[in-house]
Amino acid sequence: MHWLTKPPVDGPRSMLLLRLMVGGVFFWEGLLKFVYVNQGVGRFTKLGIPFPAFTANFVGCLEIVGGLLLLLGLLTRLIAVPFLIEMIAAMLSTKISMYLGTSPLPLPPVPPQTGFWAVLHEIRSEYAQFMVVLYLPINGPGKWSIDALLDKLRARKLR
């Protein structure tokens, strides 16, 4: 548990850029699941995901709250775990059927629409999100984060 709640905080300040990128994407994608039904319940229904209304709302809330946590650099390692699971599930549930040409979702507007190259093209944002979310718990949220501020406050309290 200590590993999850006390990440390294001595990383470069530029870690903020990674957190802004991935936290922002999760945050607005979570909002979109509530604003546009086709992005939430509708998409989950088409994909055959069990309990699509519950699952879409759960994932939407996770992305909004978790995205904000990443933006702030708070509980960075803890929120990375469900995001890694979510990204794997998202990639598997959408890209295998695209590879096979059986996707219930609209195919890309230009070739390649199915197969290996289509999957590589369409997986780019999920891949980038996954890699950043994998990187953050290893290297921490950086010096400009609430995790770093809390670490400083704990160190002062121990003196």
N, C-alpha and C. Protein backbone atom coordinates (compact mmCIF):
# COMPACT_ATOMS: atom_id res chain seq x y z
N MET A 1 0.83 -1.20 0.00
CA MET A 1 0.00 0.00 0.00
C MET A 1 0.87 1.26 0.00
N HIS A 2 2.00 1.20 0.70
CA HIS A 2 2.90 2.35 0.76
C HIS A 2 3.36 2.73 -0.65
N TRP A 3 3.62 1.73 -1.50
CA TRP A 3 4.08 2.00 -2.86
C TRP A 3 3.03 2.79 -3.63
N LEU A 4 1.75 2.47 -3.43
CA LEU A 4 0.68 3.15 -4.15
C LEU A 4 0.47 4.59 -3.70
N THR A 5 0.70 4.86 -2.42
CA THR A 5 0.36 6.18 -1.88
C THR A 5 1.54 7.12 -1.75
N LYS A 6 2.76 6.65 -1.95
CA LYS A 6 3.92 7.53 -1.81
C LYS A 6 4.85 7.38 -3.02
N PRO A 7 4.49 8.03 -4.14
CA PRO A 7 5.33 7.93 -5.34
C PRO A 7 6.57 8.81 -5.22
N PRO A 8 7.57 8.56 -6.05
CA PRO A 8 8.71 9.48 -6.08
C PRO A 8 8.23 10.84 -6.58
N VAL A 9 8.70 11.89 -5.95
CA VAL A 9 8.24 13.24 -6.33
C VAL A 9 9.39 14.14 -6.74
N ASP A 10 10.56 13.55 -6.96
CA ASP A 10 11.72 14.35 -7.32
C ASP A 10 11.96 14.42 -8.83
N GLY A 11 10.99 13.97 -9.60
CA GLY A 11 11.11 14.02 -11.06
C GLY A 11 11.09 15.44 -11.57
N PRO A 12 11.40 15.62 -12.82
CA PRO A 12 11.44 16.97 -13.39
C PRO A 12 10.06 17.64 -13.40
N ARG A 13 10.08 18.95 -13.39
CA ARG A 13 8.83 19.71 -13.43
C ARG A 13 8.06 19.45 -14.73
N SER A 14 8.78 19.03 -15.75
CA SER A 14 8.13 18.76 -17.05
C SER A 14 7.17 17.57 -16.99
N MET A 15 7.19 16.82 -15.90
CA MET A 15 6.20 15.74 -15.73
C MET A 15 4.79 16.32 -15.76
N LEU A 16 4.68 17.59 -15.41
CA LEU A 16 3.39 18.27 -15.46
C LEU A 16 2.80 18.19 -16.87
N LEU A 17 3.63 18.30 -17.89
CA LEU A 17 3.13 18.24 -19.27
C LEU A 17 2.49 16.89 -19.58
N LEU A 18 3.12 15.81 -19.12
CA LEU A 18 2.55 14.48 -19.34
C LEU A 18 1.23 14.34 -18.59
N ARG A 19 1.20 14.84 -17.36
CA ARG A 19 -0.04 14.76 -16.58
C ARG A 19 -1.14 15.59 -17.21
N LEU A 20 -0.81 16.77 -17.72
CA LEU A 20 -1.81 17.61 -18.39
C LEU A 20 -2.36 16.91 -19.62
N MET A 21 -1.48 16.27 -20.37
CA MET A 21 -1.93 15.58 -21.59
C MET A 21 -2.87 14.43 -21.25
N VAL A 22 -2.40 13.48 -20.48
CA VAL A 22 -3.19 12.27 -20.25
C VAL A 22 -4.36 12.53 -19.30
N GLY A 23 -4.16 13.36 -18.29
CA GLY A 23 -5.25 13.69 -17.38
C GLY A 23 -6.36 14.44 -18.10
N GLY A 24 -5.96 15.36 -18.98
CA GLY A 24 -6.95 16.11 -19.75
C GLY A 24 -7.76 15.21 -20.67
N VAL A 25 -7.09 14.28 -21.34
CA VAL A 25 -7.80 13.37 -22.25
C VAL A 25 -8.79 12.51 -21.46
N PHE A 26 -8.37 11.94 -20.34
CA PHE A 26 -9.29 11.14 -19.54
C PHE A 26 -10.46 11.99 -19.06
N PHE A 27 -10.18 13.21 -18.59
CA PHE A 27 -11.22 14.08 -18.07
C PHE A 27 -12.28 14.38 -19.12
N TRP A 28 -11.86 14.87 -20.30
CA TRP A 28 -12.89 15.24 -21.28
C TRP A 28 -13.55 14.02 -21.92
N GLU A 29 -12.85 12.90 -22.03
CA GLU A 29 -13.50 11.69 -22.53
C GLU A 29 -14.56 11.20 -21.54
N GLY A 30 -14.29 11.36 -20.25
CA GLY A 30 -15.29 11.03 -19.24
C GLY A 30 -16.52 11.91 -19.36
N LEU A 31 -16.30 13.21 -19.54
CA LEU A 31 -17.43 14.14 -19.72
C LEU A 31 -18.25 13.78 -20.95
N LEU A 32 -17.56 13.43 -22.04
CA LEU A 32 -18.26 13.09 -23.28
C LEU A 32 -19.19 11.89 -23.12
N LYS A 33 -18.84 10.97 -22.24
CA LYS A 33 -19.70 9.80 -22.02
C LYS A 33 -21.05 10.19 -21.44
N PHE A 34 -21.12 11.33 -20.77
CA PHE A 34 -22.39 11.81 -20.21
C PHE A 34 -23.08 12.80 -21.14
N VAL A 35 -22.30 13.60 -21.86
CA VAL A 35 -22.88 14.63 -22.74
C VAL A 35 -23.47 14.01 -24.00
N TYR A 36 -22.78 13.03 -24.58
CA TYR A 36 -23.23 12.38 -25.81
C TYR A 36 -23.46 10.90 -25.53
N VAL A 37 -24.70 10.48 -25.58
CA VAL A 37 -25.06 9.09 -25.27
C VAL A 37 -24.33 8.11 -26.18
N ASN A 38 -24.11 8.49 -27.45
CA ASN A 38 -23.44 7.58 -28.38
C ASN A 38 -21.98 7.32 -27.97
N GLN A 39 -21.39 8.19 -27.15
CA GLN A 39 -20.02 7.98 -26.69
C GLN A 39 -19.96 7.14 -25.42
N GLY A 40 -21.07 7.03 -24.73
CA GLY A 40 -21.11 6.27 -23.48
C GLY A 40 -21.92 5.00 -23.64
N VAL A 41 -23.17 5.07 -23.19
CA VAL A 41 -24.04 3.89 -23.21
C VAL A 41 -24.19 3.32 -24.61
N GLY A 42 -24.36 4.18 -25.60
CA GLY A 42 -24.53 3.70 -26.98
C GLY A 42 -23.34 2.91 -27.47
N ARG A 43 -22.16 3.41 -27.23
CA ARG A 43 -20.93 2.73 -27.66
C ARG A 43 -20.75 1.41 -26.92
N PHE A 44 -20.98 1.44 -25.60
CA PHE A 44 -20.82 0.23 -24.80
C PHE A 44 -21.84 -0.84 -25.22
N THR A 45 -23.05 -0.40 -25.58
CA THR A 45 -24.08 -1.33 -26.04
C THR A 45 -23.65 -1.97 -27.36
N LYS A 46 -23.18 -1.16 -28.31
CA LYS A 46 -22.73 -1.69 -29.61
C LYS A 46 -21.61 -2.71 -29.44
N LEU A 47 -20.73 -2.46 -28.48
CA LEU A 47 -19.59 -3.35 -28.26
C LEU A 47 -19.97 -4.62 -27.51
N GLY A 48 -21.20 -4.67 -27.00
CA GLY A 48 -21.64 -5.86 -26.26
C GLY A 48 -21.09 -5.93 -24.85
N ILE A 49 -20.72 -4.79 -24.30
CA ILE A 49 -20.19 -4.75 -22.93
C ILE A 49 -21.35 -4.98 -21.96
N PRO A 50 -21.16 -5.87 -20.99
CA PRO A 50 -22.25 -6.16 -20.04
C PRO A 50 -22.68 -4.91 -19.25
N PHE A 51 -23.96 -4.84 -18.96
CA PHE A 51 -24.53 -3.73 -18.19
C PHE A 51 -24.05 -2.38 -18.74
N PRO A 52 -24.34 -2.09 -20.01
CA PRO A 52 -23.76 -0.91 -20.66
C PRO A 52 -24.05 0.41 -19.96
N ALA A 53 -25.24 0.60 -19.41
CA ALA A 53 -25.55 1.87 -18.74
C ALA A 53 -24.70 2.03 -17.49
N PHE A 54 -24.66 0.99 -16.66
CA PHE A 54 -23.85 1.05 -15.45
C PHE A 54 -22.37 1.21 -15.79
N THR A 55 -21.89 0.39 -16.72
CA THR A 55 -20.47 0.40 -17.07
C THR A 55 -20.05 1.74 -17.66
N ALA A 56 -20.86 2.29 -18.56
CA ALA A 56 -20.52 3.59 -19.16
C ALA A 56 -20.49 4.69 -18.10
N ASN A 57 -21.45 4.68 -17.19
CA ASN A 57 -21.46 5.68 -16.13
C ASN A 57 -20.29 5.51 -15.18
N PHE A 58 -19.97 4.25 -14.85
CA PHE A 58 -18.82 3.98 -13.97
C PHE A 58 -17.53 4.45 -14.62
N VAL A 59 -17.33 4.07 -15.88
CA VAL A 59 -16.11 4.46 -16.59
C VAL A 59 -16.05 5.98 -16.76
N GLY A 60 -17.18 6.60 -17.08
CA GLY A 60 -17.22 8.05 -17.21
C GLY A 60 -16.82 8.75 -15.92
N CYS A 61 -17.36 8.28 -14.79
CA CYS A 61 -16.99 8.86 -13.49
C CYS A 61 -15.52 8.62 -13.18
N LEU A 62 -15.04 7.40 -13.46
CA LEU A 62 -13.62 7.09 -13.24
C LEU A 62 -12.75 8.05 -14.04
N GLU A 63 -13.10 8.28 -15.29
CA GLU A 63 -12.29 9.15 -16.15
C GLU A 63 -12.33 10.60 -15.69
N ILE A 64 -13.48 11.07 -15.24
CA ILE A 64 -13.58 12.45 -14.77
C ILE A 64 -12.77 12.64 -13.48
N VAL A 65 -13.05 11.80 -12.48
CA VAL A 65 -12.35 11.93 -11.20
C VAL A 65 -10.86 11.61 -11.36
N GLY A 66 -10.57 10.50 -12.03
CA GLY A 66 -9.17 10.11 -12.23
C GLY A 66 -8.40 11.10 -13.07
N GLY A 67 -9.06 11.65 -14.10
CA GLY A 67 -8.41 12.67 -14.92
C GLY A 67 -8.04 13.89 -14.09
N LEU A 68 -8.95 14.32 -13.22
CA LEU A 68 -8.66 15.45 -12.33
C LEU A 68 -7.51 15.12 -11.38
N LEU A 69 -7.50 13.90 -10.85
CA LEU A 69 -6.39 13.50 -9.97
C LEU A 69 -5.05 13.55 -10.70
N LEU A 70 -5.03 13.08 -11.95
CA LEU A 70 -3.78 13.15 -12.72
C LEU A 70 -3.40 14.59 -13.01
N LEU A 71 -4.37 15.42 -13.36
CA LEU A 71 -4.08 16.83 -13.62
C LEU A 71 -3.45 17.50 -12.40
N LEU A 72 -3.95 17.16 -11.22
CA LEU A 72 -3.44 17.75 -9.98
C LEU A 72 -2.18 17.06 -9.47
N GLY A 73 -1.92 15.85 -9.96
CA GLY A 73 -0.78 15.09 -9.44
C GLY A 73 -1.06 14.57 -8.04
N LEU A 74 -2.27 14.11 -7.82
CA LEU A 74 -2.69 13.61 -6.51
C LEU A 74 -3.06 12.13 -6.64
N LEU A 75 -2.49 11.30 -5.77
CA LEU A 75 -2.73 9.85 -5.80
C LEU A 75 -2.41 9.27 -7.18
N THR A 76 -1.32 9.72 -7.74
CA THR A 76 -0.94 9.38 -9.11
C THR A 76 -0.82 7.87 -9.32
N ARG A 77 -0.11 7.22 -8.44
CA ARG A 77 0.07 5.77 -8.60
C ARG A 77 -1.25 5.02 -8.41
N LEU A 78 -2.02 5.45 -7.45
CA LEU A 78 -3.28 4.76 -7.15
C LEU A 78 -4.24 4.81 -8.33
N ILE A 79 -4.38 5.96 -8.97
CA ILE A 79 -5.32 6.09 -10.09
C ILE A 79 -4.78 5.44 -11.36
N ALA A 80 -3.47 5.25 -11.43
CA ALA A 80 -2.89 4.62 -12.62
C ALA A 80 -3.36 3.18 -12.78
N VAL A 81 -3.58 2.48 -11.68
CA VAL A 81 -3.95 1.06 -11.75
C VAL A 81 -5.28 0.86 -12.50
N PRO A 82 -6.38 1.53 -12.09
CA PRO A 82 -7.61 1.32 -12.86
C PRO A 82 -7.52 1.85 -14.29
N PHE A 83 -6.73 2.90 -14.51
CA PHE A 83 -6.59 3.41 -15.88
C PHE A 83 -5.85 2.42 -16.77
N LEU A 84 -4.84 1.74 -16.25
CA LEU A 84 -4.15 0.72 -17.04
C LEU A 84 -5.11 -0.41 -17.42
N ILE A 85 -5.92 -0.83 -16.46
CA ILE A 85 -6.91 -1.88 -16.73
C ILE A 85 -7.92 -1.39 -17.77
N GLU A 86 -8.38 -0.15 -17.61
CA GLU A 86 -9.35 0.40 -18.56
C GLU A 86 -8.78 0.47 -19.97
N MET A 87 -7.53 0.89 -20.11
CA MET A 87 -6.94 1.03 -21.44
C MET A 87 -6.77 -0.33 -22.11
N ILE A 88 -6.39 -1.34 -21.34
CA ILE A 88 -6.28 -2.69 -21.90
C ILE A 88 -7.65 -3.17 -22.37
N ALA A 89 -8.66 -2.97 -21.52
CA ALA A 89 -10.03 -3.39 -21.89
C ALA A 89 -10.51 -2.63 -23.13
N ALA A 90 -10.22 -1.34 -23.20
CA ALA A 90 -10.66 -0.53 -24.35
C ALA A 90 -9.99 -1.02 -25.64
N MET A 91 -8.69 -1.28 -25.56
CA MET A 91 -7.98 -1.74 -26.76
C MET A 91 -8.48 -3.11 -27.21
N LEU A 92 -8.66 -4.02 -26.26
CA LEU A 92 -9.12 -5.36 -26.63
C LEU A 92 -10.55 -5.36 -27.15
N SER A 93 -11.42 -4.56 -26.53
CA SER A 93 -12.84 -4.59 -26.92
C SER A 93 -13.11 -3.90 -28.25
N THR A 94 -12.21 -3.04 -28.70
CA THR A 94 -12.48 -2.33 -29.96
C THR A 94 -11.55 -2.75 -31.10
N LYS A 95 -10.35 -3.15 -30.81
CA LYS A 95 -9.39 -3.36 -31.90
C LYS A 95 -9.35 -4.78 -32.44
N ILE A 96 -9.69 -5.77 -31.64
CA ILE A 96 -9.70 -7.14 -32.16
C ILE A 96 -10.74 -7.28 -33.26
N SER A 97 -11.94 -6.75 -33.00
CA SER A 97 -13.00 -6.84 -34.02
C SER A 97 -12.66 -6.00 -35.25
N MET A 98 -11.92 -4.92 -35.06
CA MET A 98 -11.49 -4.12 -36.22
C MET A 98 -10.49 -4.93 -37.05
N TYR A 99 -9.58 -5.60 -36.39
CA TYR A 99 -8.60 -6.43 -37.08
C TYR A 99 -9.31 -7.51 -37.90
N LEU A 100 -10.33 -8.11 -37.30
CA LEU A 100 -11.05 -9.19 -37.97
C LEU A 100 -12.08 -8.70 -38.99
N GLY A 101 -12.35 -7.39 -38.98
CA GLY A 101 -13.35 -6.84 -39.90
C GLY A 101 -14.78 -7.05 -39.43
N THR A 102 -14.96 -7.28 -38.13
CA THR A 102 -16.30 -7.54 -37.59
C THR A 102 -16.73 -6.47 -36.59
N SER A 103 -16.10 -5.32 -36.60
CA SER A 103 -16.39 -4.27 -35.61
C SER A 103 -17.82 -3.75 -35.74
N PRO A 104 -18.53 -3.65 -34.60
CA PRO A 104 -19.86 -3.05 -34.63
C PRO A 104 -19.80 -1.53 -34.71
N LEU A 105 -18.62 -0.98 -34.54
CA LEU A 105 -18.43 0.47 -34.61
C LEU A 105 -18.14 0.87 -36.05
N PRO A 106 -18.39 2.13 -36.39
CA PRO A 106 -18.07 2.58 -37.75
C PRO A 106 -16.58 2.40 -38.04
N LEU A 107 -16.29 1.95 -39.24
CA LEU A 107 -14.90 1.76 -39.64
C LEU A 107 -14.28 3.11 -39.96
N PRO A 108 -12.95 3.19 -39.94
CA PRO A 108 -12.29 4.45 -40.30
C PRO A 108 -12.74 4.90 -41.69
N PRO A 109 -12.79 6.22 -41.92
CA PRO A 109 -13.31 6.73 -43.20
C PRO A 109 -12.41 6.45 -44.41
N VAL A 110 -11.13 6.20 -44.17
CA VAL A 110 -10.22 5.96 -45.30
C VAL A 110 -9.46 4.66 -45.07
N PRO A 111 -9.01 4.03 -46.14
CA PRO A 111 -8.25 2.79 -45.99
C PRO A 111 -6.96 3.03 -45.22
N PRO A 112 -6.45 2.05 -44.54
CA PRO A 112 -7.03 0.72 -44.35
C PRO A 112 -8.14 0.76 -43.30
N GLN A 113 -9.21 0.04 -43.57
CA GLN A 113 -10.34 0.04 -42.65
C GLN A 113 -10.35 -1.16 -41.71
N THR A 114 -9.69 -2.23 -42.10
CA THR A 114 -9.61 -3.41 -41.24
C THR A 114 -8.20 -3.97 -41.34
N GLY A 115 -7.90 -4.91 -40.46
CA GLY A 115 -6.61 -5.57 -40.50
C GLY A 115 -5.56 -4.90 -39.63
N PHE A 116 -4.36 -5.40 -39.75
CA PHE A 116 -3.23 -5.00 -38.92
C PHE A 116 -2.95 -3.50 -38.99
N TRP A 117 -2.84 -2.94 -40.20
CA TRP A 117 -2.49 -1.53 -40.35
C TRP A 117 -3.60 -0.61 -39.85
N ALA A 118 -4.83 -1.01 -40.02
CA ALA A 118 -5.95 -0.22 -39.50
C ALA A 118 -5.89 -0.16 -37.98
N VAL A 119 -5.59 -1.30 -37.36
CA VAL A 119 -5.50 -1.35 -35.90
C VAL A 119 -4.35 -0.47 -35.42
N LEU A 120 -3.19 -0.56 -36.07
CA LEU A 120 -2.06 0.28 -35.66
C LEU A 120 -2.41 1.76 -35.75
N HIS A 121 -3.11 2.14 -36.79
CA HIS A 121 -3.49 3.55 -36.94
C HIS A 121 -4.51 3.96 -35.88
N GLU A 122 -5.52 3.15 -35.67
CA GLU A 122 -6.61 3.51 -34.76
C GLU A 122 -6.25 3.37 -33.28
N ILE A 123 -5.21 2.62 -32.96
CA ILE A 123 -4.87 2.39 -31.55
C ILE A 123 -3.94 3.47 -31.00
N ARG A 124 -3.55 4.41 -31.83
CA ARG A 124 -2.52 5.37 -31.45
C ARG A 124 -2.83 6.15 -30.18
N SER A 125 -4.05 6.63 -30.00
CA SER A 125 -4.32 7.43 -28.79
C SER A 125 -4.38 6.55 -27.55
N GLU A 126 -4.98 5.35 -27.66
CA GLU A 126 -5.01 4.45 -26.51
C GLU A 126 -3.60 4.02 -26.12
N TYR A 127 -2.77 3.77 -27.12
CA TYR A 127 -1.39 3.37 -26.88
C TYR A 127 -0.63 4.48 -26.15
N ALA A 128 -0.79 5.72 -26.60
CA ALA A 128 -0.11 6.85 -25.96
C ALA A 128 -0.59 7.02 -24.52
N GLN A 129 -1.90 6.95 -24.32
CA GLN A 129 -2.44 7.06 -22.96
C GLN A 129 -1.90 5.94 -22.07
N PHE A 130 -1.91 4.73 -22.58
CA PHE A 130 -1.43 3.58 -21.81
C PHE A 130 0.03 3.78 -21.40
N MET A 131 0.86 4.18 -22.34
CA MET A 131 2.29 4.33 -22.05
C MET A 131 2.55 5.43 -21.02
N VAL A 132 1.83 6.55 -21.11
CA VAL A 132 2.02 7.63 -20.13
C VAL A 132 1.52 7.19 -18.76
N VAL A 133 0.37 6.51 -18.72
CA VAL A 133 -0.16 6.04 -17.44
C VAL A 133 0.75 4.97 -16.84
N LEU A 134 1.44 4.22 -17.66
CA LEU A 134 2.43 3.26 -17.18
C LEU A 134 3.68 3.98 -16.66
N TYR A 135 4.07 5.05 -17.30
CA TYR A 135 5.26 5.82 -16.95
C TYR A 135 5.09 6.58 -15.63
N LEU A 136 3.93 7.19 -15.42
CA LEU A 136 3.72 8.05 -14.25
C LEU A 136 3.91 7.33 -12.91
N PRO A 137 3.38 6.14 -12.70
CA PRO A 137 3.62 5.52 -11.39
C PRO A 137 5.06 5.09 -11.17
N ILE A 138 5.78 4.85 -12.24
CA ILE A 138 7.19 4.47 -12.11
C ILE A 138 8.03 5.68 -11.71
N ASN A 139 7.80 6.81 -12.36
CA ASN A 139 8.62 8.00 -12.15
C ASN A 139 7.98 9.07 -11.28
N GLY A 140 6.73 8.90 -10.94
CA GLY A 140 6.05 9.86 -10.08
C GLY A 140 5.49 11.04 -10.85
N PRO A 141 4.72 11.87 -10.15
CA PRO A 141 4.03 12.98 -10.80
C PRO A 141 4.90 14.21 -11.02
N GLY A 142 6.11 14.23 -10.48
CA GLY A 142 6.98 15.38 -10.64
C GLY A 142 6.87 16.36 -9.48
N LYS A 143 7.73 17.38 -9.53
CA LYS A 143 7.82 18.36 -8.44
C LYS A 143 6.61 19.27 -8.37
N TRP A 144 5.96 19.52 -9.50
CA TRP A 144 4.78 20.38 -9.52
C TRP A 144 3.53 19.51 -9.42
N SER A 145 3.31 18.96 -8.25
CA SER A 145 2.15 18.09 -8.03
C SER A 145 1.72 18.18 -6.57
N ILE A 146 0.49 17.83 -6.32
CA ILE A 146 0.01 17.80 -4.93
C ILE A 146 0.69 16.67 -4.17
N ASP A 147 1.00 15.56 -4.84
CA ASP A 147 1.75 14.49 -4.19
C ASP A 147 3.08 15.01 -3.65
N ALA A 148 3.78 15.85 -4.43
CA ALA A 148 5.05 16.43 -3.99
C ALA A 148 4.84 17.38 -2.82
N LEU A 149 3.80 18.19 -2.88
CA LEU A 149 3.48 19.11 -1.78
C LEU A 149 3.19 18.33 -0.50
N LEU A 150 2.40 17.28 -0.60
CA LEU A 150 2.10 16.46 0.58
C LEU A 150 3.35 15.80 1.13
N ASP A 151 4.26 15.39 0.25
CA ASP A 151 5.52 14.79 0.68
C ASP A 151 6.34 15.79 1.48
N LYS A 152 6.39 17.04 1.01
CA LYS A 152 7.12 18.10 1.74
C LYS A 152 6.48 18.36 3.10
N LEU A 153 5.16 18.40 3.14
CA LEU A 153 4.47 18.64 4.41
C LEU A 153 4.71 17.51 5.40
N ARG A 154 4.72 16.26 4.92
CA ARG A 154 5.01 15.12 5.79
C ARG A 154 6.43 15.19 6.33
N ALA A 155 7.38 15.58 5.46
CA ALA A 155 8.78 15.69 5.88
C ALA A 155 8.94 16.77 6.96
N ARG A 156 8.26 17.89 6.81
CA ARG A 156 8.33 18.96 7.82
C ARG A 156 7.73 18.51 9.14
N LYS A 157 6.66 17.76 9.06
CA LYS A 157 5.96 17.30 10.26
C LYS A 157 6.84 16.34 11.06
N LEU A 158 7.68 15.57 10.36
CA LEU A 158 8.56 14.61 11.03
C LEU A 158 9.75 15.27 11.70
N ARG A 159 10.06 16.48 11.33
CA ARG A 159 11.24 17.17 11.91
C ARG A 159 11.00 17.62 13.30
